[in-house]
Amino acid sequence: MRLRSDMFVSALIRTVFSRGGYAAVERKGMDQAGTIFIRQRFRDGLETLFGPAPQSLVDGEGALDRRFERRLERVEPEDVAALMAREIKWDPDLWLVELETDAIDGLFVVEQV
């Protein structure tokens, strides 16, 4: 069974804070199975957006893990906001988590596409 969305987000935020970074829930989605997007903000004002990886990238062994792919990389905040507006229109129950940390290693699994 896969970890609930609210529990995954809570663990992510706690881990970021424990590493000295900042994290916040920008948009709260459905507790049990809401789609999760992660917005990483950098000191130079640019952002990277991670969204759920397509199911075709998840192998049988990792089916229980939440996996992400880079949707946008080091772009202006307006580009992330525009993409998220389209995603929210399609799925209003999604989560948007904001991270202010340079290193995301070990926080979540990023699939290489």
PDB file of N, CA and C in Angstrom:
ATOM      1  N   MET A   1       0.845  -1.172   0.000  1.00  0.00           N
ATOM      2  CA  MET A   1       0.000   0.000   0.000  1.00  0.00           C
ATOM      3  C   MET A   1       0.896   1.242   0.000  1.00  0.00           C
ATOM      4  N   ARG A   2       0.511   2.220  -0.783  1.00  0.00           N
ATOM      5  CA  ARG A   2       1.290   3.440  -0.908  1.00  0.00           C
ATOM      6  C   ARG A   2       0.994   4.397   0.242  1.00  0.00           C
ATOM      7  N   LEU A   3       2.013   5.153   0.643  1.00  0.00           N
ATOM      8  CA  LEU A   3       1.887   6.122   1.721  1.00  0.00           C
ATOM      9  C   LEU A   3       0.892   7.222   1.333  1.00  0.00           C
ATOM     10  N   ARG A   4       0.037   7.594   2.251  1.00  0.00           N
ATOM     11  CA  ARG A   4      -0.938   8.657   1.998  1.00  0.00           C
ATOM     12  C   ARG A   4      -0.228   9.952   1.633  1.00  0.00           C
ATOM     13  N   SER A   5      -0.872  10.780   0.833  1.00  0.00           N
ATOM     14  CA  SER A   5      -0.282  12.045   0.394  1.00  0.00           C
ATOM     15  C   SER A   5       0.038  12.960   1.560  1.00  0.00           C
ATOM     16  N   ASP A   6      -0.873  13.079   2.523  1.00  0.00           N
ATOM     17  CA  ASP A   6      -0.618  13.984   3.649  1.00  0.00           C
ATOM     18  C   ASP A   6       0.566  13.525   4.488  1.00  0.00           C
ATOM     19  N   MET A   7       0.749  12.229   4.621  1.00  0.00           N
ATOM     20  CA  MET A   7       1.881  11.703   5.387  1.00  0.00           C
ATOM     21  C   MET A   7       3.189  11.921   4.629  1.00  0.00           C
ATOM     22  N   PHE A   8       3.173  11.719   3.309  1.00  0.00           N
ATOM     23  CA  PHE A   8       4.369  11.951   2.497  1.00  0.00           C
ATOM     24  C   PHE A   8       4.796  13.412   2.590  1.00  0.00           C
ATOM     25  N   VAL A   9       3.833  14.326   2.452  1.00  0.00           N
ATOM     26  CA  VAL A   9       4.131  15.761   2.512  1.00  0.00           C
ATOM     27  C   VAL A   9       4.656  16.139   3.891  1.00  0.00           C
ATOM     28  N   SER A  10       4.048  15.629   4.934  1.00  0.00           N
ATOM     29  CA  SER A  10       4.499  15.918   6.291  1.00  0.00           C
ATOM     30  C   SER A  10       5.938  15.457   6.510  1.00  0.00           C
ATOM     31  N   ALA A  11       6.250  14.250   6.059  1.00  0.00           N
ATOM     32  CA  ALA A  11       7.610  13.724   6.201  1.00  0.00           C
ATOM     33  C   ALA A  11       8.604  14.541   5.378  1.00  0.00           C
ATOM     34  N   LEU A  12       8.219  14.946   4.191  1.00  0.00           N
ATOM     35  CA  LEU A  12       9.071  15.765   3.332  1.00  0.00           C
ATOM     36  C   LEU A  12       9.405  17.096   4.008  1.00  0.00           C
ATOM     37  N   ILE A  13       8.391  17.753   4.540  1.00  0.00           N
ATOM     38  CA  ILE A  13       8.593  19.049   5.192  1.00  0.00           C
ATOM     39  C   ILE A  13       9.490  18.912   6.419  1.00  0.00           C
ATOM     40  N   ARG A  14       9.247  17.898   7.228  1.00  0.00           N
ATOM     41  CA  ARG A  14      10.083  17.686   8.427  1.00  0.00           C
ATOM     42  C   ARG A  14      11.539  17.438   8.050  1.00  0.00           C
ATOM     43  N   THR A  15      11.753  16.667   6.994  1.00  0.00           N
ATOM     44  CA  THR A  15      13.115  16.359   6.566  1.00  0.00           C
ATOM     45  C   THR A  15      13.831  17.613   6.072  1.00  0.00           C
ATOM     46  N   VAL A  16      13.135  18.431   5.306  1.00  0.00           N
ATOM     47  CA  VAL A  16      13.736  19.673   4.808  1.00  0.00           C
ATOM     48  C   VAL A  16      14.118  20.579   5.974  1.00  0.00           C
ATOM     49  N   PHE A  17      13.208  20.745   6.927  1.00  0.00           N
ATOM     50  CA  PHE A  17      13.510  21.573   8.102  1.00  0.00           C
ATOM     51  C   PHE A  17      14.682  21.010   8.902  1.00  0.00           C
ATOM     52  N   SER A  18      14.753  19.696   9.037  1.00  0.00           N
ATOM     53  CA  SER A  18      15.846  19.095   9.805  1.00  0.00           C
ATOM     54  C   SER A  18      17.199  19.306   9.137  1.00  0.00           C
ATOM     55  N   ARG A  19      17.193  19.551   7.817  1.00  0.00           N
ATOM     56  CA  ARG A  19      18.431  19.820   7.074  1.00  0.00           C
ATOM     57  C   ARG A  19      18.755  21.317   7.015  1.00  0.00           C
ATOM     58  N   GLY A  20      17.934  22.136   7.650  1.00  0.00           N
ATOM     59  CA  GLY A  20      18.196  23.566   7.679  1.00  0.00           C
ATOM     60  C   GLY A  20      17.555  24.353   6.556  1.00  0.00           C
ATOM     61  N   GLY A  21      16.689  23.715   5.780  1.00  0.00           N
ATOM     62  CA  GLY A  21      15.979  24.388   4.698  1.00  0.00           C
ATOM     63  C   GLY A  21      14.615  24.866   5.161  1.00  0.00           C
ATOM     64  N   TYR A  22      13.839  25.354   4.204  1.00  0.00           N
ATOM     65  CA  TYR A  22      12.484  25.828   4.478  1.00  0.00           C
ATOM     66  C   TYR A  22      11.532  25.067   3.574  1.00  0.00           C
ATOM     67  N   ALA A  23      10.370  24.734   4.095  1.00  0.00           N
ATOM     68  CA  ALA A  23       9.345  24.048   3.312  1.00  0.00           C
ATOM     69  C   ALA A  23       7.973  24.484   3.798  1.00  0.00           C
ATOM     70  N   ALA A  24       7.024  24.532   2.872  1.00  0.00           N
ATOM     71  CA  ALA A  24       5.659  24.913   3.225  1.00  0.00           C
ATOM     72  C   ALA A  24       4.683  24.276   2.244  1.00  0.00           C
ATOM     73  N   VAL A  25       3.475  24.068   2.717  1.00  0.00           N
ATOM     74  CA  VAL A  25       2.403  23.609   1.844  1.00  0.00           C
ATOM     75  C   VAL A  25       1.772  24.849   1.222  1.00  0.00           C
ATOM     76  N   GLU A  26       1.932  24.992  -0.068  1.00  0.00           N
ATOM     77  CA  GLU A  26       1.352  26.127  -0.786  1.00  0.00           C
ATOM     78  C   GLU A  26      -0.109  25.857  -1.140  1.00  0.00           C
ATOM     79  N   ARG A  27      -0.421  24.585  -1.385  1.00  0.00           N
ATOM     80  CA  ARG A  27      -1.794  24.186  -1.690  1.00  0.00           C
ATOM     81  C   ARG A  27      -2.016  22.792  -1.113  1.00  0.00           C
ATOM     82  N   LYS A  28      -3.028  22.663  -0.269  1.00  0.00           N
ATOM     83  CA  LYS A  28      -3.345  21.374   0.352  1.00  0.00           C
ATOM     84  C   LYS A  28      -4.325  20.621  -0.525  1.00  0.00           C
ATOM     85  N   GLY A  29      -3.968  19.399  -0.835  1.00  0.00           N
ATOM     86  CA  GLY A  29      -4.820  18.562  -1.673  1.00  0.00           C
ATOM     87  C   GLY A  29      -5.544  17.507  -0.864  1.00  0.00           C
ATOM     88  N   MET A  30      -6.008  16.500  -1.558  1.00  0.00           N
ATOM     89  CA  MET A  30      -6.729  15.401  -0.933  1.00  0.00           C
ATOM     90  C   MET A  30      -5.777  14.602  -0.033  1.00  0.00           C
ATOM     91  N   ASP A  31      -6.186  14.354   1.212  1.00  0.00           N
ATOM     92  CA  ASP A  31      -5.316  13.713   2.203  1.00  0.00           C
ATOM     93  C   ASP A  31      -4.809  12.339   1.775  1.00  0.00           C
ATOM     94  N   GLN A  32      -5.677  11.521   1.254  1.00  0.00           N
ATOM     95  CA  GLN A  32      -5.313  10.130   1.019  1.00  0.00           C
ATOM     96  C   GLN A  32      -4.567   9.904  -0.291  1.00  0.00           C
ATOM     97  N   ALA A  33      -4.981  10.539  -1.359  1.00  0.00           N
ATOM     98  CA  ALA A  33      -4.390  10.197  -2.659  1.00  0.00           C
ATOM     99  C   ALA A  33      -4.201  11.388  -3.576  1.00  0.00           C
ATOM    100  N   GLY A  34      -4.087  12.587  -3.035  1.00  0.00           N
ATOM    101  CA  GLY A  34      -3.893  13.764  -3.883  1.00  0.00           C
ATOM    102  C   GLY A  34      -2.552  13.732  -4.592  1.00  0.00           C
ATOM    103  N   THR A  35      -2.541  14.180  -5.826  1.00  0.00           N
ATOM    104  CA  THR A  35      -1.310  14.280  -6.602  1.00  0.00           C
ATOM    105  C   THR A  35      -0.420  15.333  -5.955  1.00  0.00           C
ATOM    106  N   ILE A  36       0.892  15.079  -5.934  1.00  0.00           N
ATOM    107  CA  ILE A  36       1.824  15.994  -5.275  1.00  0.00           C
ATOM    108  C   ILE A  36       2.763  16.618  -6.302  1.00  0.00           C
ATOM    109  N   PHE A  37       2.853  17.941  -6.260  1.00  0.00           N
ATOM    110  CA  PHE A  37       3.828  18.696  -7.039  1.00  0.00           C
ATOM    111  C   PHE A  37       4.765  19.370  -6.052  1.00  0.00           C
ATOM    112  N   ILE A  38       6.040  19.459  -6.415  1.00  0.00           N
ATOM    113  CA  ILE A  38       7.043  20.059  -5.543  1.00  0.00           C
ATOM    114  C   ILE A  38       7.724  21.198  -6.289  1.00  0.00           C
ATOM    115  N   ARG A  39       7.683  22.373  -5.685  1.00  0.00           N
ATOM    116  CA  ARG A  39       8.262  23.586  -6.262  1.00  0.00           C
ATOM    117  C   ARG A  39       9.536  23.918  -5.481  1.00  0.00           C
ATOM    118  N   GLN A  40      10.676  23.833  -6.144  1.00  0.00           N
ATOM    119  CA  GLN A  40      11.953  24.136  -5.503  1.00  0.00           C
ATOM    120  C   GLN A  40      12.386  25.538  -5.906  1.00  0.00           C
ATOM    121  N   ARG A  41      12.550  26.394  -4.912  1.00  0.00           N
ATOM    122  CA  ARG A  41      12.974  27.781  -5.160  1.00  0.00           C
ATOM    123  C   ARG A  41      14.464  27.914  -4.864  1.00  0.00           C
ATOM    124  N   PHE A  42      15.150  28.670  -5.723  1.00  0.00           N
ATOM    125  CA  PHE A  42      16.573  28.903  -5.568  1.00  0.00           C
ATOM    126  C   PHE A  42      16.828  30.351  -5.162  1.00  0.00           C
ATOM    127  N   ARG A  43      18.014  30.602  -4.641  1.00  0.00           N
ATOM    128  CA  ARG A  43      18.380  31.943  -4.174  1.00  0.00           C
ATOM    129  C   ARG A  43      18.398  32.972  -5.307  1.00  0.00           C
ATOM    130  N   ASP A  44      18.652  32.528  -6.543  1.00  0.00           N
ATOM    131  CA  ASP A  44      18.710  33.462  -7.668  1.00  0.00           C
ATOM    132  C   ASP A  44      17.330  33.814  -8.217  1.00  0.00           C
ATOM    133  N   GLY A  45      16.261  33.302  -7.586  1.00  0.00           N
ATOM    134  CA  GLY A  45      14.900  33.619  -7.999  1.00  0.00           C
ATOM    135  C   GLY A  45      14.294  32.629  -8.980  1.00  0.00           C
ATOM    136  N   LEU A  46      15.071  31.697  -9.485  1.00  0.00           N
ATOM    137  CA  LEU A  46      14.549  30.695 -10.412  1.00  0.00           C
ATOM    138  C   LEU A  46      13.953  29.529  -9.639  1.00  0.00           C
ATOM    139  N   GLU A  47      13.164  28.718 -10.353  1.00  0.00           N
ATOM    140  CA  GLU A  47      12.480  27.599  -9.712  1.00  0.00           C
ATOM    141  C   GLU A  47      12.524  26.358 -10.587  1.00  0.00           C
ATOM    142  N   THR A  48      12.433  25.210  -9.939  1.00  0.00           N
ATOM    143  CA  THR A  48      12.288  23.922 -10.618  1.00  0.00           C
ATOM    144  C   THR A  48      11.000  23.297 -10.098  1.00  0.00           C
ATOM    145  N   LEU A  49      10.237  22.709 -11.002  1.00  0.00           N
ATOM    146  CA  LEU A  49       8.969  22.071 -10.622  1.00  0.00           C
ATOM    147  C   LEU A  49       9.062  20.576 -10.879  1.00  0.00           C
ATOM    148  N   PHE A  50       8.710  19.800  -9.843  1.00  0.00           N
ATOM    149  CA  PHE A  50       8.652  18.352  -9.952  1.00  0.00           C
ATOM    150  C   PHE A  50       7.194  17.925  -9.884  1.00  0.00           C
ATOM    151  N   GLY A  51       6.824  16.998 -10.743  1.00  0.00           N
ATOM    152  CA  GLY A  51       5.478  16.443 -10.727  1.00  0.00           C
ATOM    153  C   GLY A  51       5.560  14.936 -10.718  1.00  0.00           C
ATOM    154  N   PRO A  52       4.428  14.275 -10.559  1.00  0.00           N
ATOM    155  CA  PRO A  52       4.446  12.816 -10.508  1.00  0.00           C
ATOM    156  C   PRO A  52       4.966  12.236 -11.826  1.00  0.00           C
ATOM    157  N   ALA A  53       5.809  11.216 -11.701  1.00  0.00           N
ATOM    158  CA  ALA A  53       6.330  10.539 -12.891  1.00  0.00           C
ATOM    159  C   ALA A  53       5.220   9.694 -13.509  1.00  0.00           C
ATOM    160  N   PRO A  54       5.200   9.580 -14.825  1.00  0.00           N
ATOM    161  CA  PRO A  54       4.204   8.710 -15.466  1.00  0.00           C
ATOM    162  C   PRO A  54       4.338   7.281 -14.954  1.00  0.00           C
ATOM    163  N   GLN A  55       3.243   6.580 -14.862  1.00  0.00           N
ATOM    164  CA  GLN A  55       3.250   5.214 -14.343  1.00  0.00           C
ATOM    165  C   GLN A  55       4.141   4.292 -15.159  1.00  0.00           C
ATOM    166  N   SER A  56       4.356   4.610 -16.433  1.00  0.00           N
ATOM    167  CA  SER A  56       5.200   3.760 -17.271  1.00  0.00           C
ATOM    168  C   SER A  56       6.655   3.787 -16.813  1.00  0.00           C
ATOM    169  N   LEU A  57       7.057   4.813 -16.040  1.00  0.00           N
ATOM    170  CA  LEU A  57       8.421   4.892 -15.537  1.00  0.00           C
ATOM    171  C   LEU A  57       8.606   4.153 -14.220  1.00  0.00           C
ATOM    172  N   VAL A  58       7.522   3.681 -13.624  1.00  0.00           N
ATOM    173  CA  VAL A  58       7.588   3.009 -12.332  1.00  0.00           C
ATOM    174  C   VAL A  58       7.621   1.506 -12.574  1.00  0.00           C
ATOM    175  N   ASP A  59       8.709   0.875 -12.138  1.00  0.00           N
ATOM    176  CA  ASP A  59       8.808  -0.571 -12.323  1.00  0.00           C
ATOM    177  C   ASP A  59       7.995  -1.298 -11.262  1.00  0.00           C
ATOM    178  N   GLY A  60       7.888  -2.588 -11.385  1.00  0.00           N
ATOM    179  CA  GLY A  60       7.092  -3.379 -10.461  1.00  0.00           C
ATOM    180  C   GLY A  60       7.585  -3.307  -9.034  1.00  0.00           C
ATOM    181  N   GLU A  61       8.914  -3.204  -8.841  1.00  0.00           N
ATOM    182  CA  GLU A  61       9.467  -3.170  -7.490  1.00  0.00           C
ATOM    183  C   GLU A  61       9.224  -1.836  -6.802  1.00  0.00           C
ATOM    184  N   GLY A  62       9.193  -0.740  -7.572  1.00  0.00           N
ATOM    185  CA  GLY A  62       9.053   0.578  -6.975  1.00  0.00           C
ATOM    186  C   GLY A  62       7.646   1.121  -7.026  1.00  0.00           C
ATOM    187  N   ALA A  63       6.688   0.268  -7.273  1.00  0.00           N
ATOM    188  CA  ALA A  63       5.317   0.726  -7.453  1.00  0.00           C
ATOM    189  C   ALA A  63       4.750   1.391  -6.199  1.00  0.00           C
ATOM    190  N   LEU A  64       5.319   1.093  -5.036  1.00  0.00           N
ATOM    191  CA  LEU A  64       4.796   1.671  -3.808  1.00  0.00           C
ATOM    192  C   LEU A  64       5.410   3.040  -3.506  1.00  0.00           C
ATOM    193  N   ASP A  65       6.525   3.359  -4.127  1.00  0.00           N
ATOM    194  CA  ASP A  65       7.198   4.638  -3.901  1.00  0.00           C
ATOM    195  C   ASP A  65       6.567   5.731  -4.748  1.00  0.00           C
ATOM    196  N   ARG A  66       6.589   6.933  -4.213  1.00  0.00           N
ATOM    197  CA  ARG A  66       6.187   8.082  -5.027  1.00  0.00           C
ATOM    198  C   ARG A  66       7.411   8.517  -5.811  1.00  0.00           C
ATOM    199  N   ARG A  67       7.249   8.625  -7.099  1.00  0.00           N
ATOM    200  CA  ARG A  67       8.353   9.019  -7.967  1.00  0.00           C
ATOM    201  C   ARG A  67       7.964  10.280  -8.710  1.00  0.00           C
ATOM    202  N   PHE A  68       8.961  11.126  -8.936  1.00  0.00           N
ATOM    203  CA  PHE A  68       8.724  12.422  -9.549  1.00  0.00           C
ATOM    204  C   PHE A  68       9.605  12.597 -10.773  1.00  0.00           C
ATOM    205  N   GLU A  69       9.186  13.511 -11.643  1.00  0.00           N
ATOM    206  CA  GLU A  69      10.002  13.914 -12.778  1.00  0.00           C
ATOM    207  C   GLU A  69      10.073  15.431 -12.797  1.00  0.00           C
ATOM    208  N   ARG A  70      11.148  15.963 -13.373  1.00  0.00           N
ATOM    209  CA  ARG A  70      11.258  17.409 -13.518  1.00  0.00           C
ATOM    210  C   ARG A  70      10.320  17.848 -14.628  1.00  0.00           C
ATOM    211  N   ARG A  71       9.395  18.735 -14.296  1.00  0.00           N
ATOM    212  CA  ARG A  71       8.494  19.283 -15.314  1.00  0.00           C
ATOM    213  C   ARG A  71       9.079  20.568 -15.890  1.00  0.00           C
ATOM    214  N   LEU A  72       9.673  21.381 -15.028  1.00  0.00           N
ATOM    215  CA  LEU A  72      10.339  22.622 -15.439  1.00  0.00           C
ATOM    216  C   LEU A  72      11.630  22.708 -14.644  1.00  0.00           C
ATOM    217  N   GLU A  73      12.695  23.208 -15.266  1.00  0.00           N
ATOM    218  CA  GLU A  73      13.968  23.292 -14.562  1.00  0.00           C
ATOM    219  C   GLU A  73      14.564  24.684 -14.660  1.00  0.00           C
ATOM    220  N   ARG A  74      14.771  25.290 -13.481  1.00  0.00           N
ATOM    221  CA  ARG A  74      15.395  26.614 -13.334  1.00  0.00           C
ATOM    222  C   ARG A  74      14.767  27.633 -14.278  1.00  0.00           C
ATOM    223  N   VAL A  75      13.471  27.864 -14.079  1.00  0.00           N
ATOM    224  CA  VAL A  75      12.710  28.824 -14.875  1.00  0.00           C
ATOM    225  C   VAL A  75      12.210  29.944 -13.969  1.00  0.00           C
ATOM    226  N   GLU A  76      11.638  30.958 -14.571  1.00  0.00           N
ATOM    227  CA  GLU A  76      11.061  32.074 -13.818  1.00  0.00           C
ATOM    228  C   GLU A  76       9.820  31.592 -13.048  1.00  0.00           C
ATOM    229  N   PRO A  77       9.536  32.201 -11.896  1.00  0.00           N
ATOM    230  CA  PRO A  77       8.371  31.794 -11.094  1.00  0.00           C
ATOM    231  C   PRO A  77       7.047  31.871 -11.860  1.00  0.00           C
ATOM    232  N   GLU A  78       6.934  32.796 -12.791  1.00  0.00           N
ATOM    233  CA  GLU A  78       5.701  32.942 -13.569  1.00  0.00           C
ATOM    234  C   GLU A  78       5.434  31.695 -14.422  1.00  0.00           C
ATOM    235  N   ASP A  79       6.496  31.074 -14.913  1.00  0.00           N
ATOM    236  CA  ASP A  79       6.332  29.854 -15.717  1.00  0.00           C
ATOM    237  C   ASP A  79       5.786  28.719 -14.870  1.00  0.00           C
ATOM    238  N   VAL A  80       6.283  28.608 -13.649  1.00  0.00           N
ATOM    239  CA  VAL A  80       5.783  27.577 -12.729  1.00  0.00           C
ATOM    240  C   VAL A  80       4.326  27.870 -12.372  1.00  0.00           C
ATOM    241  N   ALA A  81       4.014  29.127 -12.092  1.00  0.00           N
ATOM    242  CA  ALA A  81       2.641  29.504 -11.740  1.00  0.00           C
ATOM    243  C   ALA A  81       1.673  29.200 -12.879  1.00  0.00           C
ATOM    244  N   ALA A  82       2.090  29.460 -14.116  1.00  0.00           N
ATOM    245  CA  ALA A  82       1.221  29.195 -15.271  1.00  0.00           C
ATOM    246  C   ALA A  82       0.957  27.700 -15.435  1.00  0.00           C
ATOM    247  N   LEU A  83       1.999  26.894 -15.301  1.00  0.00           N
ATOM    248  CA  LEU A  83       1.811  25.447 -15.422  1.00  0.00           C
ATOM    249  C   LEU A  83       0.932  24.916 -14.293  1.00  0.00           C
ATOM    250  N   MET A  84       1.151  25.415 -13.083  1.00  0.00           N
ATOM    251  CA  MET A  84       0.340  24.953 -11.951  1.00  0.00           C
ATOM    252  C   MET A  84      -1.119  25.380 -12.096  1.00  0.00           C
ATOM    253  N   ALA A  85      -1.370  26.538 -12.657  1.00  0.00           N
ATOM    254  CA  ALA A  85      -2.757  26.969 -12.882  1.00  0.00           C
ATOM    255  C   ALA A  85      -3.464  25.984 -13.806  1.00  0.00           C
ATOM    256  N   ARG A  86      -2.776  25.516 -14.847  1.00  0.00           N
ATOM    257  CA  ARG A  86      -3.368  24.522 -15.759  1.00  0.00           C
ATOM    258  C   ARG A  86      -3.592  23.193 -15.047  1.00  0.00           C
ATOM    259  N   GLU A  87      -2.623  22.776 -14.233  1.00  0.00           N
ATOM    260  CA  GLU A  87      -2.759  21.517 -13.503  1.00  0.00           C
ATOM    261  C   GLU A  87      -3.918  21.571 -12.506  1.00  0.00           C
ATOM    262  N   ILE A  88      -4.063  22.694 -11.806  1.00  0.00           N
ATOM    263  CA  ILE A  88      -5.131  22.843 -10.815  1.00  0.00           C
ATOM    264  C   ILE A  88      -6.501  22.833 -11.493  1.00  0.00           C
ATOM    265  N   LYS A  89      -6.578  23.404 -12.674  1.00  0.00           N
ATOM    266  CA  LYS A  89      -7.839  23.386 -13.423  1.00  0.00           C
ATOM    267  C   LYS A  89      -8.236  21.950 -13.756  1.00  0.00           C
ATOM    268  N   TRP A  90      -7.236  21.120 -14.053  1.00  0.00           N
ATOM    269  CA  TRP A  90      -7.488  19.725 -14.406  1.00  0.00           C
ATOM    270  C   TRP A  90      -7.695  18.862 -13.167  1.00  0.00           C
ATOM    271  N   ASP A  91      -6.948  19.147 -12.074  1.00  0.00           N
ATOM    272  CA  ASP A  91      -7.020  18.354 -10.848  1.00  0.00           C
ATOM    273  C   ASP A  91      -7.024  19.280  -9.627  1.00  0.00           C
ATOM    274  N   PRO A  92      -8.190  19.718  -9.180  1.00  0.00           N
ATOM    275  CA  PRO A  92      -8.253  20.667  -8.061  1.00  0.00           C
ATOM    276  C   PRO A  92      -7.855  20.079  -6.701  1.00  0.00           C
ATOM    277  N   ASP A  93      -7.667  18.762  -6.613  1.00  0.00           N
ATOM    278  CA  ASP A  93      -7.305  18.124  -5.346  1.00  0.00           C
ATOM    279  C   ASP A  93      -5.810  17.879  -5.193  1.00  0.00           C
ATOM    280  N   LEU A  94      -4.987  18.578  -5.962  1.00  0.00           N
ATOM    281  CA  LEU A  94      -3.548  18.334  -5.900  1.00  0.00           C
ATOM    282  C   LEU A  94      -2.876  19.113  -4.774  1.00  0.00           C
ATOM    283  N   TRP A  95      -1.702  18.658  -4.401  1.00  0.00           N
ATOM    284  CA  TRP A  95      -0.853  19.314  -3.402  1.00  0.00           C
ATOM    285  C   TRP A  95       0.228  20.088  -4.132  1.00  0.00           C
ATOM    286  N   LEU A  96       0.613  21.238  -3.594  1.00  0.00           N
ATOM    287  CA  LEU A  96       1.777  21.968  -4.076  1.00  0.00           C
ATOM    288  C   LEU A  96       2.626  22.294  -2.858  1.00  0.00           C
ATOM    289  N   VAL A  97       3.826  21.720  -2.834  1.00  0.00           N
ATOM    290  CA  VAL A  97       4.753  21.903  -1.717  1.00  0.00           C
ATOM    291  C   VAL A  97       5.909  22.770  -2.200  1.00  0.00           C
ATOM    292  N   GLU A  98       6.243  23.769  -1.421  1.00  0.00           N
ATOM    293  CA  GLU A  98       7.329  24.690  -1.758  1.00  0.00           C
ATOM    294  C   GLU A  98       8.550  24.365  -0.903  1.00  0.00           C
ATOM    295  N   LEU A  99       9.694  24.220  -1.552  1.00  0.00           N
ATOM    296  CA  LEU A  99      10.944  23.961  -0.850  1.00  0.00           C
ATOM    297  C   LEU A  99      11.929  25.077  -1.150  1.00  0.00           C
ATOM    298  N   GLU A 100      12.617  25.535  -0.126  1.00  0.00           N
ATOM    299  CA  GLU A 100      13.734  26.456  -0.308  1.00  0.00           C
ATOM    300  C   GLU A 100      14.958  25.766   0.246  1.00  0.00           C
ATOM    301  N   THR A 101      15.573  24.976  -0.612  1.00  0.00           N
ATOM    302  CA  THR A 101      16.781  24.227  -0.278  1.00  0.00           C
ATOM    303  C   THR A 101      17.516  23.962  -1.575  1.00  0.00           C
ATOM    304  N   ASP A 102      18.836  23.996  -1.510  1.00  0.00           N
ATOM    305  CA  ASP A 102      19.622  23.760  -2.716  1.00  0.00           C
ATOM    306  C   ASP A 102      19.758  22.270  -3.021  1.00  0.00           C
ATOM    307  N   ALA A 103      19.814  21.439  -1.998  1.00  0.00           N
ATOM    308  CA  ALA A 103      20.032  20.002  -2.177  1.00  0.00           C
ATOM    309  C   ALA A 103      18.748  19.226  -1.927  1.00  0.00           C
ATOM    310  N   ILE A 104      18.311  18.489  -2.935  1.00  0.00           N
ATOM    311  CA  ILE A 104      17.112  17.658  -2.780  1.00  0.00           C
ATOM    312  C   ILE A 104      17.478  16.178  -2.714  1.00  0.00           C
ATOM    313  N   ASP A 105      18.764  15.878  -2.695  1.00  0.00           N
ATOM    314  CA  ASP A 105      19.216  14.493  -2.647  1.00  0.00           C
ATOM    315  C   ASP A 105      18.611  13.764  -1.459  1.00  0.00           C
ATOM    316  N   GLY A 106      17.970  12.638  -1.734  1.00  0.00           N
ATOM    317  CA  GLY A 106      17.403  11.825  -0.679  1.00  0.00           C
ATOM    318  C   GLY A 106      16.035  12.260  -0.175  1.00  0.00           C
ATOM    319  N   LEU A 107      15.527  13.394  -0.661  1.00  0.00           N
ATOM    320  CA  LEU A 107      14.203  13.843  -0.210  1.00  0.00           C
ATOM    321  C   LEU A 107      13.073  13.086  -0.898  1.00  0.00           C
ATOM    322  N   PHE A 108      13.242  12.834  -2.198  1.00  0.00           N
ATOM    323  CA  PHE A 108      12.265  12.100  -2.974  1.00  0.00           C
ATOM    324  C   PHE A 108      12.954  11.533  -4.200  1.00  0.00           C
ATOM    325  N   VAL A 109      12.319  10.559  -4.845  1.00  0.00           N
ATOM    326  CA  VAL A 109      12.911   9.880  -5.993  1.00  0.00           C
ATOM    327  C   VAL A 109      12.569  10.670  -7.262  1.00  0.00           C
ATOM    328  N   VAL A 110      13.619  11.042  -8.015  1.00  0.00           N
ATOM    329  CA  VAL A 110      13.441  11.754  -9.280  1.00  0.00           C
ATOM    330  C   VAL A 110      13.840  10.806 -10.410  1.00  0.00           C
ATOM    331  N   GLU A 111      12.886  10.521 -11.280  1.00  0.00           N
ATOM    332  CA  GLU A 111      13.136   9.659 -12.436  1.00  0.00           C
ATOM    333  C   GLU A 111      13.852  10.465 -13.513  1.00  0.00           C
ATOM    334  N   GLN A 112      14.816   9.842 -14.147  1.00  0.00           N
ATOM    335  CA  GLN A 112      15.500  10.458 -15.280  1.00  0.00           C
ATOM    336  C   GLN A 112      14.744  10.059 -16.542  1.00  0.00           C
ATOM    337  N   VAL A 113      14.229  11.039 -17.249  1.00  0.00           N
ATOM    338  CA  VAL A 113      13.419  10.757 -18.437  1.00  0.00           C
ATOM    339  C   VAL A 113      14.262  10.854 -19.673  1.00  0.00           C
TER     340      VAL A 113
END
